[in-house]
Amino acid sequence: MNKSWSNKVLILLISILTSTYGQSQLIADYSFDGCTFSDQLGNYDDAKAISLPSCDCGLTDNGLYFDGVNDNLNFPSKLDSLLEEDFTVSFYFQIDNASSKTNILSIRSECNLDSFISISYTPLDHQIAFDMSPNIANIQSNLIPLNKNKCWHSVILTKSELVYTLYIDDQLGVSIISNGAVKFPKSAKLSISNSPCLVVNEDRFNGWIDEFKVYDRALSFQEIISSSLNPDQIVTNDTTVVAGADVQIHVGSTCAQNYFWNPITNLDDETVLDPIATPEVTTEYKLTIQNKGGCSTIDSLTINVIDPDQLDCEKILLPNAFTPNNDQLNDNFGISNLFLVEHIDYFEVYDRWGAKMWETNNKTHTWDGTFKNKKVNPGMYIYKVKYTCNDEIYVKVDNFSVLR
């Protein structure tokens, strides 16, 4: 089994283990907006610090800056016991400076190898160190590389039964099937930059922390992707348009005040993060965002431009199979060459017995492989689409497969 397929199987397994119905059960929201240490939901006491991190610019409003010397933050002890059950802890961070292993988050009472969870940063290889142990006989240590082209990074730790999973930048970092749940001592603290190991082999965190949230269950991979703030990233996907059409560019959350596009050709306003592009030829637009601490993020978007006289209106593109398993790969069934379609009269999906599974008259809508909120069985299905291209009407009928 190759590595790519192994990762897909692992993500699918995690999604099944962590899937649930209903809304996400957010129980604590320390967003730090308004320069407060309060839980925005009012469920828990304020976070406490011996030396206060300073209020700074955050991804959506305010965030906290930790000086790497004394600044730290301890969350209410009532949260600790909840982390022995299923949970999700998520936050964003940006490193300012580090010369040795740096503690970011920890849940432990002493610097020993029993009943603890720790997330640290190692600057030598620009990695996240994830260490956990339900007991001295089951110590797990893992290193997950960080993208060197990003400034802000997301960290999401989930527990579902005995599966502990760490996601970094909305990607699976590591998943551990433990031989027991981590039972924290009463004196253990959920803290940022305040590990008991600071005097042994770790430094305090120097950088920015924002949007610290706790859920009372493990979020699914799909929920993690859908809730991402995509910091400093172009959210708009590479696309293809007919010459003369425009594309609205969208960028995720950012704290940066300095940014620039290259090239600026055919942008309606090159001074904003969300310009409208109307390229005359295929163009790759690069966005450079300069954050504090001298860190820069570069992202790009390619807009392919085609001549309307070269359109083959009969070649509307739909896949002959798709895999709606929430692994973010080929999860939806829809038209891929939207630039060819002016509008659609109908787009319908039927099962092999002729029962209608789904329909829309919006060309951008896609089918997620469900009927009445339940997953359809794998097998052969039929689609019918009636659309307009170059002011002419076309109808296409064909079959495709749902794979699970």
Protein backbone atom coordinates (compact mmCIF):
# COMPACT_ATOMS: atom_id res chain seq x y z
CA MET A 1 0.00 0.00 0.00
CA ASN A 2 1.54 3.35 -1.04
CA LYS A 3 1.90 6.28 1.35
CA SER A 4 -0.71 8.45 -0.38
CA TRP A 5 -3.36 5.75 -0.19
CA SER A 6 -2.39 4.93 3.41
CA ASN A 7 -2.95 8.57 4.39
CA LYS A 8 -6.39 8.56 2.72
CA VAL A 9 -7.37 5.40 4.60
CA LEU A 10 -6.11 6.85 7.90
CA ILE A 11 -7.97 10.15 7.43
CA LEU A 12 -11.13 8.22 6.53
CA LEU A 13 -10.76 6.11 9.69
CA ILE A 14 -10.32 9.23 11.81
CA SER A 15 -13.33 10.89 10.18
CA ILE A 16 -15.47 7.83 10.96
CA LEU A 17 -14.27 7.70 14.55
CA THR A 18 -14.83 11.41 15.11
CA SER A 19 -18.00 11.94 13.07
CA THR A 20 -21.17 13.05 14.84
CA TYR A 21 -24.49 14.64 14.12
CA GLY A 22 -25.55 18.11 15.18
CA GLN A 23 -23.59 21.25 15.81
CA SER A 24 -20.09 21.40 17.21
CA GLN A 25 -20.19 21.49 21.00
CA LEU A 26 -17.96 24.49 21.67
CA ILE A 27 -17.69 24.82 25.45
CA ALA A 28 -14.89 27.37 25.90
CA ASP A 29 -13.90 30.21 23.58
CA TYR A 30 -10.86 32.25 24.56
CA SER A 31 -10.71 34.40 21.44
CA PHE A 32 -8.77 37.20 23.24
CA ASP A 33 -10.88 39.73 21.32
CA GLY A 34 -11.21 43.00 23.18
CA CYS A 35 -7.89 42.24 24.89
CA THR A 36 -9.56 40.03 27.52
CA PHE A 37 -8.69 36.63 28.95
CA SER A 38 -12.36 35.73 29.29
CA ASP A 39 -14.27 32.75 27.97
CA GLN A 40 -16.58 34.42 25.45
CA LEU A 41 -19.27 31.81 26.21
CA GLY A 42 -19.22 32.57 29.93
CA ASN A 43 -18.89 28.89 30.89
CA TYR A 44 -15.50 29.11 32.57
CA ASP A 45 -13.43 31.55 34.60
CA ASP A 46 -10.88 33.86 33.05
CA ALA A 47 -7.50 32.48 32.11
CA LYS A 48 -4.81 33.54 34.59
CA ALA A 49 -1.23 34.63 34.05
CA ILE A 50 1.69 35.38 36.34
CA SER A 51 3.10 37.80 33.80
CA LEU A 52 0.54 39.11 31.34
CA PRO A 53 1.03 38.58 27.61
CA SER A 54 0.47 41.82 25.75
CA CYS A 55 -2.60 42.55 23.66
CA ASP A 56 -1.77 42.67 19.96
CA CYS A 57 -3.32 42.29 16.55
CA GLY A 58 -4.98 38.90 16.01
CA LEU A 59 -6.43 36.96 13.13
CA THR A 60 -9.99 38.23 13.55
CA ASP A 61 -9.55 40.99 16.15
CA ASN A 62 -7.07 40.81 19.01
CA GLY A 63 -4.51 38.15 19.88
CA LEU A 64 -1.85 37.73 22.57
CA TYR A 65 1.88 38.28 22.26
CA PHE A 66 4.14 36.23 24.58
CA ASP A 67 7.60 37.71 25.23
CA GLY A 68 9.43 34.38 25.77
CA VAL A 69 10.70 35.54 29.18
CA ASN A 70 7.89 35.55 31.73
CA ASP A 71 4.60 35.62 29.83
CA ASN A 72 2.34 32.61 30.33
CA LEU A 73 -1.33 31.71 30.58
CA ASN A 74 -3.11 29.13 32.73
CA PHE A 75 -6.64 28.03 31.93
CA PRO A 76 -9.27 27.16 34.60
CA SER A 77 -8.69 23.81 36.31
CA LYS A 78 -12.28 22.75 35.51
CA LEU A 79 -11.17 22.28 31.90
CA ASP A 80 -8.53 19.71 32.86
CA SER A 81 -10.94 16.96 33.84
CA LEU A 82 -12.93 17.47 30.65
CA LEU A 83 -9.80 16.63 28.66
CA GLU A 84 -9.88 13.10 30.05
CA GLU A 85 -13.03 12.54 27.97
CA ASP A 86 -13.44 13.13 24.23
CA PHE A 87 -12.37 16.66 23.33
CA THR A 88 -10.92 19.07 20.78
CA VAL A 89 -8.48 21.85 21.61
CA SER A 90 -7.64 24.28 18.82
CA PHE A 91 -5.61 27.47 18.48
CA TYR A 92 -3.37 29.44 16.12
CA PHE A 93 0.22 30.49 16.75
CA GLN A 94 3.08 32.39 15.11
CA ILE A 95 6.66 32.07 16.30
CA ASP A 96 8.60 35.30 16.76
CA ASN A 97 11.93 33.97 17.96
CA ALA A 98 13.26 30.65 19.28
CA SER A 99 16.74 29.24 19.74
CA SER A 100 15.85 25.99 21.51
CA LYS A 101 12.83 23.79 22.24
CA THR A 102 9.94 26.08 23.11
CA ASN A 103 6.88 25.12 25.12
CA ILE A 104 3.59 26.13 23.52
CA LEU A 105 0.89 24.11 25.29
CA SER A 106 1.01 21.52 28.04
CA ILE A 107 -1.26 19.61 30.41
CA ARG A 108 0.93 18.24 33.17
CA SER A 109 1.79 18.70 36.84
CA GLU A 110 5.48 17.69 36.88
CA CYS A 111 8.28 17.26 34.38
CA ASN A 112 8.06 13.48 34.32
CA LEU A 113 6.94 10.89 31.78
CA ASP A 114 3.62 9.96 33.34
CA SER A 115 0.12 11.30 32.52
CA PHE A 116 0.81 14.35 30.40
CA ILE A 117 0.33 15.98 27.00
CA SER A 118 2.76 18.52 25.58
CA ILE A 119 3.02 20.50 22.33
CA SER A 120 6.31 22.29 21.70
CA TYR A 121 8.24 23.95 18.89
CA THR A 122 11.72 22.85 17.83
CA PRO A 123 13.50 25.53 15.78
CA LEU A 124 16.36 23.42 14.42
CA ASP A 125 14.13 21.66 11.88
CA HIS A 126 11.09 23.94 12.21
CA GLN A 127 8.91 21.20 13.69
CA ILE A 128 6.16 20.66 16.21
CA ALA A 129 6.96 18.14 18.95
CA PHE A 130 3.90 16.27 20.22
CA ASP A 131 4.49 14.22 23.36
CA MET A 132 1.91 12.32 25.40
CA SER A 133 1.78 9.50 27.90
CA PRO A 134 -1.12 7.87 29.77
CA ASN A 135 1.51 6.04 31.84
CA ILE A 136 5.25 5.53 32.02
CA ALA A 137 5.01 2.38 29.87
CA ASN A 138 3.34 4.12 26.93
CA ILE A 139 5.28 7.25 26.01
CA GLN A 140 4.57 8.68 22.57
CA SER A 141 6.85 11.29 20.97
CA ASN A 142 6.32 12.61 17.46
CA LEU A 143 7.77 15.38 15.30
CA ILE A 144 5.61 17.08 12.65
CA PRO A 145 7.27 19.48 10.19
CA LEU A 146 5.84 22.97 9.74
CA ASN A 147 5.44 24.71 6.41
CA LYS A 148 8.32 27.19 6.22
CA ASN A 149 6.32 29.37 3.84
CA LYS A 150 3.66 30.12 6.45
CA CYS A 151 3.73 32.52 9.39
CA TRP A 152 0.54 31.59 11.25
CA HIS A 153 -0.08 27.91 11.97
CA SER A 154 -3.15 26.10 13.27
CA VAL A 155 -2.96 23.38 15.93
CA ILE A 156 -5.91 21.07 16.58
CA LEU A 157 -5.71 18.21 19.06
CA THR A 158 -8.60 15.76 19.31
CA LYS A 159 -9.40 12.73 21.43
CA SER A 160 -12.01 10.17 20.34
CA GLU A 161 -12.15 7.15 22.63
CA LEU A 162 -8.46 6.15 22.74
CA VAL A 163 -7.47 7.85 19.48
CA TYR A 164 -5.44 11.06 19.96
CA THR A 165 -4.99 13.02 16.74
CA LEU A 166 -2.97 16.15 16.06
CA TYR A 167 -3.68 18.27 12.99
CA ILE A 168 -1.21 20.94 11.90
CA ASP A 169 -2.33 23.56 9.37
CA ASP A 170 -5.52 21.58 8.68
CA GLN A 171 -3.54 18.49 7.73
CA LEU A 172 -3.17 15.22 9.60
CA GLY A 173 0.04 15.38 11.61
CA VAL A 174 -0.13 12.19 13.66
CA SER A 175 -2.80 9.86 15.03
CA ILE A 176 -2.07 7.68 18.06
CA ILE A 177 -4.12 4.76 19.32
CA SER A 178 -3.28 4.79 23.01
CA ASN A 179 -3.50 1.85 25.39
CA GLY A 180 -5.36 4.08 27.83
CA ALA A 181 -6.73 7.57 28.32
CA VAL A 182 -4.44 10.16 29.87
CA LYS A 183 -5.64 10.72 33.44
CA PHE A 184 -4.19 13.99 34.64
CA PRO A 185 -3.18 14.56 38.27
CA LYS A 186 -5.30 17.07 40.19
CA SER A 187 -2.40 19.51 40.19
CA ALA A 188 -2.03 19.38 36.37
CA LYS A 189 -2.49 22.66 34.50
CA LEU A 190 -3.71 23.35 30.99
CA SER A 191 -1.39 26.19 30.10
CA ILE A 192 0.39 28.11 27.37
CA SER A 193 4.12 28.71 27.88
CA ASN A 194 4.09 27.40 31.44
CA SER A 195 5.26 23.79 31.34
CA PRO A 196 6.86 22.28 34.47
CA CYS A 197 9.76 21.38 32.15
CA LEU A 198 10.77 25.02 31.61
CA VAL A 199 13.59 24.73 34.11
CA VAL A 200 14.75 21.45 32.57
CA ASN A 201 14.82 21.49 28.77
CA GLU A 202 12.29 24.01 27.42
CA ASP A 203 11.97 27.76 26.97
CA ARG A 204 8.87 29.89 27.23
CA PHE A 205 6.97 30.62 24.05
CA ASN A 206 7.88 33.78 22.16
CA GLY A 207 5.26 34.79 19.61
CA TRP A 208 1.54 35.18 19.04
CA ILE A 209 -1.41 33.01 20.14
CA ASP A 210 -4.99 33.50 19.00
CA GLU A 211 -8.45 31.86 18.92
CA PHE A 212 -8.04 29.26 21.69
CA LYS A 213 -11.13 27.00 21.71
CA VAL A 214 -12.21 23.82 23.50
CA TYR A 215 -14.95 21.40 22.38
CA ASP A 216 -16.41 18.55 24.42
CA ARG A 217 -16.02 16.07 21.57
CA ALA A 218 -13.62 15.26 18.75
CA LEU A 219 -14.30 17.33 15.66
CA SER A 220 -14.32 15.48 12.36
CA PHE A 221 -11.78 16.26 9.67
CA GLN A 222 -14.55 17.85 7.59
CA GLU A 223 -15.46 20.18 10.47
CA ILE A 224 -11.83 21.13 10.92
CA ILE A 225 -11.51 22.11 7.27
CA SER A 226 -14.79 24.02 7.20
CA SER A 227 -13.95 26.05 10.32
CA SER A 228 -10.42 27.00 9.27
CA LEU A 229 -9.55 30.71 9.18
CA ASN A 230 -6.98 30.04 6.41
CA PRO A 231 -4.62 32.70 7.78
CA ASP A 232 -2.69 34.67 5.14
CA GLN A 233 -3.84 32.25 2.43
CA ILE A 234 -5.67 32.83 -0.85
CA VAL A 235 -8.93 30.96 -0.39
CA THR A 236 -10.01 31.17 -4.03
CA ASN A 237 -8.96 28.07 -5.98
CA ASP A 238 -7.16 28.11 -9.31
CA THR A 239 -9.81 28.55 -11.96
CA THR A 240 -10.50 28.87 -15.67
CA VAL A 241 -12.59 31.64 -17.23
CA VAL A 242 -13.56 32.84 -20.66
CA ALA A 243 -11.73 35.99 -21.78
CA GLY A 244 -13.51 39.05 -20.43
CA ALA A 245 -14.88 37.33 -17.31
CA ASP A 246 -13.78 38.42 -13.85
CA VAL A 247 -12.83 36.51 -10.71
CA GLN A 248 -13.43 37.75 -7.18
CA ILE A 249 -10.35 36.83 -5.12
CA HIS A 250 -10.80 36.01 -1.44
CA VAL A 251 -8.09 35.81 1.23
CA GLY A 252 -8.34 34.23 4.70
CA SER A 253 -7.92 36.01 8.03
CA THR A 254 -4.79 38.07 8.55
CA CYS A 255 -3.30 40.49 11.02
CA ALA A 256 -0.82 41.95 8.54
CA GLN A 257 -0.93 45.54 7.38
CA ASN A 258 1.68 45.14 4.67
CA TYR A 259 0.86 43.08 1.60
CA PHE A 260 1.20 43.37 -2.15
CA TRP A 261 0.12 41.61 -5.35
CA ASN A 262 2.31 40.72 -8.28
CA PRO A 263 1.47 41.37 -11.02
CA ILE A 264 -1.12 44.11 -10.51
CA THR A 265 -2.26 43.84 -14.12
CA ASN A 266 -6.05 43.79 -14.49
CA LEU A 267 -6.77 43.98 -10.77
CA ASP A 268 -9.50 46.49 -9.93
CA ASP A 269 -7.61 47.55 -6.77
CA GLU A 270 -4.14 46.19 -6.05
CA THR A 271 -4.12 47.82 -2.57
CA VAL A 272 -6.79 45.50 -1.10
CA LEU A 273 -6.67 41.85 -0.07
CA ASP A 274 -9.80 40.89 -2.02
CA PRO A 275 -9.46 42.43 -5.48
CA ILE A 276 -11.40 41.50 -8.60
CA ALA A 277 -9.18 40.12 -11.36
CA THR A 278 -10.05 40.35 -15.06
CA PRO A 279 -6.96 38.95 -16.80
CA GLU A 280 -6.76 39.02 -20.59
CA VAL A 281 -4.39 36.04 -20.68
CA THR A 282 -3.61 33.20 -18.28
CA THR A 283 -2.01 34.82 -15.22
CA GLU A 284 -0.53 33.66 -11.93
CA TYR A 285 -1.17 36.23 -9.20
CA LYS A 286 1.17 36.08 -6.20
CA LEU A 287 0.28 37.60 -2.85
CA THR A 288 3.02 38.45 -0.35
CA ILE A 289 1.86 39.15 3.21
CA GLN A 290 4.41 40.60 5.62
CA ASN A 291 3.64 39.81 9.26
CA LYS A 292 5.25 41.11 12.42
CA GLY A 293 8.54 39.57 13.42
CA GLY A 294 9.88 39.74 9.86
CA CYS A 295 7.88 36.70 8.69
CA SER A 296 6.37 36.69 5.20
CA THR A 297 3.84 34.37 3.61
CA ILE A 298 3.61 33.97 -0.17
CA ASP A 299 0.61 32.37 -1.82
CA SER A 300 -0.53 32.27 -5.44
CA LEU A 301 -3.58 31.87 -7.64
CA THR A 302 -3.59 30.92 -11.33
CA ILE A 303 -6.44 32.13 -13.51
CA ASN A 304 -6.51 30.33 -16.85
CA VAL A 305 -8.06 32.36 -19.67
CA ILE A 306 -9.48 30.78 -22.81
CA ASP A 307 -10.76 32.23 -26.07
CA PRO A 308 -14.59 31.94 -26.28
CA ASP A 309 -14.23 31.00 -29.96
CA GLN A 310 -12.33 27.88 -28.91
CA LEU A 311 -15.03 26.55 -26.57
CA ASP A 312 -16.29 23.05 -27.27
CA CYS A 313 -19.74 23.42 -25.75
CA GLU A 314 -20.46 19.69 -25.91
CA LYS A 315 -17.57 18.81 -23.61
CA ILE A 316 -19.07 19.66 -20.26
CA LEU A 317 -16.88 17.88 -17.71
CA LEU A 318 -18.27 15.69 -14.93
CA PRO A 319 -16.31 12.85 -13.28
CA ASN A 320 -17.17 9.22 -14.00
CA ALA A 321 -16.75 8.43 -10.28
CA PHE A 322 -16.35 10.21 -6.95
CA THR A 323 -15.65 9.21 -3.33
CA PRO A 324 -17.83 11.11 -0.81
CA ASN A 325 -15.89 10.03 2.29
CA ASN A 326 -14.97 13.44 3.77
CA ASP A 327 -11.25 13.14 3.06
CA GLN A 328 -11.32 16.40 1.07
CA LEU A 329 -10.36 14.50 -2.08
CA ASN A 330 -13.03 14.07 -4.78
CA ASP A 331 -15.80 14.39 -2.17
CA ASN A 332 -18.41 16.09 -4.37
CA PHE A 333 -19.93 15.49 -7.79
CA GLY A 334 -20.27 18.55 -10.01
CA ILE A 335 -19.27 20.39 -13.16
CA SER A 336 -15.53 21.09 -13.28
CA ASN A 337 -15.35 23.36 -16.35
CA LEU A 338 -17.86 25.95 -15.15
CA PHE A 339 -16.41 28.53 -17.53
CA LEU A 340 -18.14 26.69 -20.36
CA VAL A 341 -21.63 27.00 -18.85
CA GLU A 342 -23.54 30.26 -18.96
CA HIS A 343 -26.37 28.82 -16.87
CA ILE A 344 -28.20 25.52 -16.34
CA ASP A 345 -31.91 24.75 -16.55
CA TYR A 346 -31.48 21.63 -14.43
CA PHE A 347 -28.82 19.30 -13.09
CA GLU A 348 -30.26 16.05 -11.72
CA VAL A 349 -28.98 12.77 -10.27
CA TYR A 350 -30.97 9.50 -10.32
CA ASP A 351 -30.31 6.04 -8.97
CA ARG A 352 -30.44 2.99 -11.27
CA TRP A 353 -34.19 2.57 -10.65
CA GLY A 354 -34.99 6.13 -11.70
CA ALA A 355 -35.51 7.69 -8.27
CA LYS A 356 -34.28 11.29 -8.12
CA MET A 357 -31.49 11.67 -5.56
CA TRP A 358 -30.62 15.34 -6.03
CA GLU A 359 -31.25 18.36 -8.23
CA THR A 360 -30.22 21.99 -8.66
CA ASN A 361 -30.39 24.82 -11.16
CA ASN A 362 -27.24 26.49 -9.87
CA LYS A 363 -24.18 25.56 -11.90
CA THR A 364 -21.82 25.92 -8.92
CA HIS A 365 -23.73 23.51 -6.68
CA THR A 366 -22.41 19.96 -6.22
CA TRP A 367 -23.82 16.70 -4.86
CA ASP A 368 -22.34 15.30 -1.65
CA GLY A 369 -23.57 11.72 -2.15
CA THR A 370 -26.51 11.90 0.25
CA PHE A 371 -30.29 11.52 -0.07
CA LYS A 372 -32.52 12.91 2.69
CA ASN A 373 -29.41 13.48 4.82
CA LYS A 374 -28.33 9.84 4.55
CA LYS A 375 -25.37 8.49 2.59
CA VAL A 376 -26.38 6.69 -0.61
CA ASN A 377 -25.08 3.21 -1.29
CA PRO A 378 -22.08 2.77 -3.58
CA GLY A 379 -22.93 1.87 -7.15
CA MET A 380 -23.96 3.28 -10.52
CA TYR A 381 -25.99 6.50 -10.82
CA ILE A 382 -27.23 8.65 -13.71
CA TYR A 383 -27.00 12.40 -14.21
CA LYS A 384 -28.95 14.69 -16.54
CA VAL A 385 -27.90 18.27 -17.18
CA LYS A 386 -29.42 20.90 -19.45
CA TYR A 387 -27.22 23.95 -19.92
CA THR A 388 -26.57 26.95 -22.13
CA CYS A 389 -23.22 27.62 -23.81
CA ASN A 390 -22.60 30.39 -26.34
CA ASP A 391 -26.34 31.06 -26.36
CA GLU A 392 -27.13 27.50 -27.43
CA ILE A 393 -28.89 24.81 -25.37
CA TYR A 394 -27.28 21.42 -24.72
CA VAL A 395 -28.45 18.31 -22.85
CA LYS A 396 -26.15 15.59 -21.57
CA VAL A 397 -27.08 12.27 -19.93
CA ASP A 398 -24.53 9.77 -18.64
CA ASN A 399 -23.73 7.46 -15.75
CA PHE A 400 -21.14 7.60 -12.99
CA SER A 401 -20.15 5.65 -9.89
CA VAL A 402 -20.30 6.41 -6.17
CA LEU A 403 -17.36 4.75 -4.40
CA ARG A 404 -17.10 4.34 -0.64
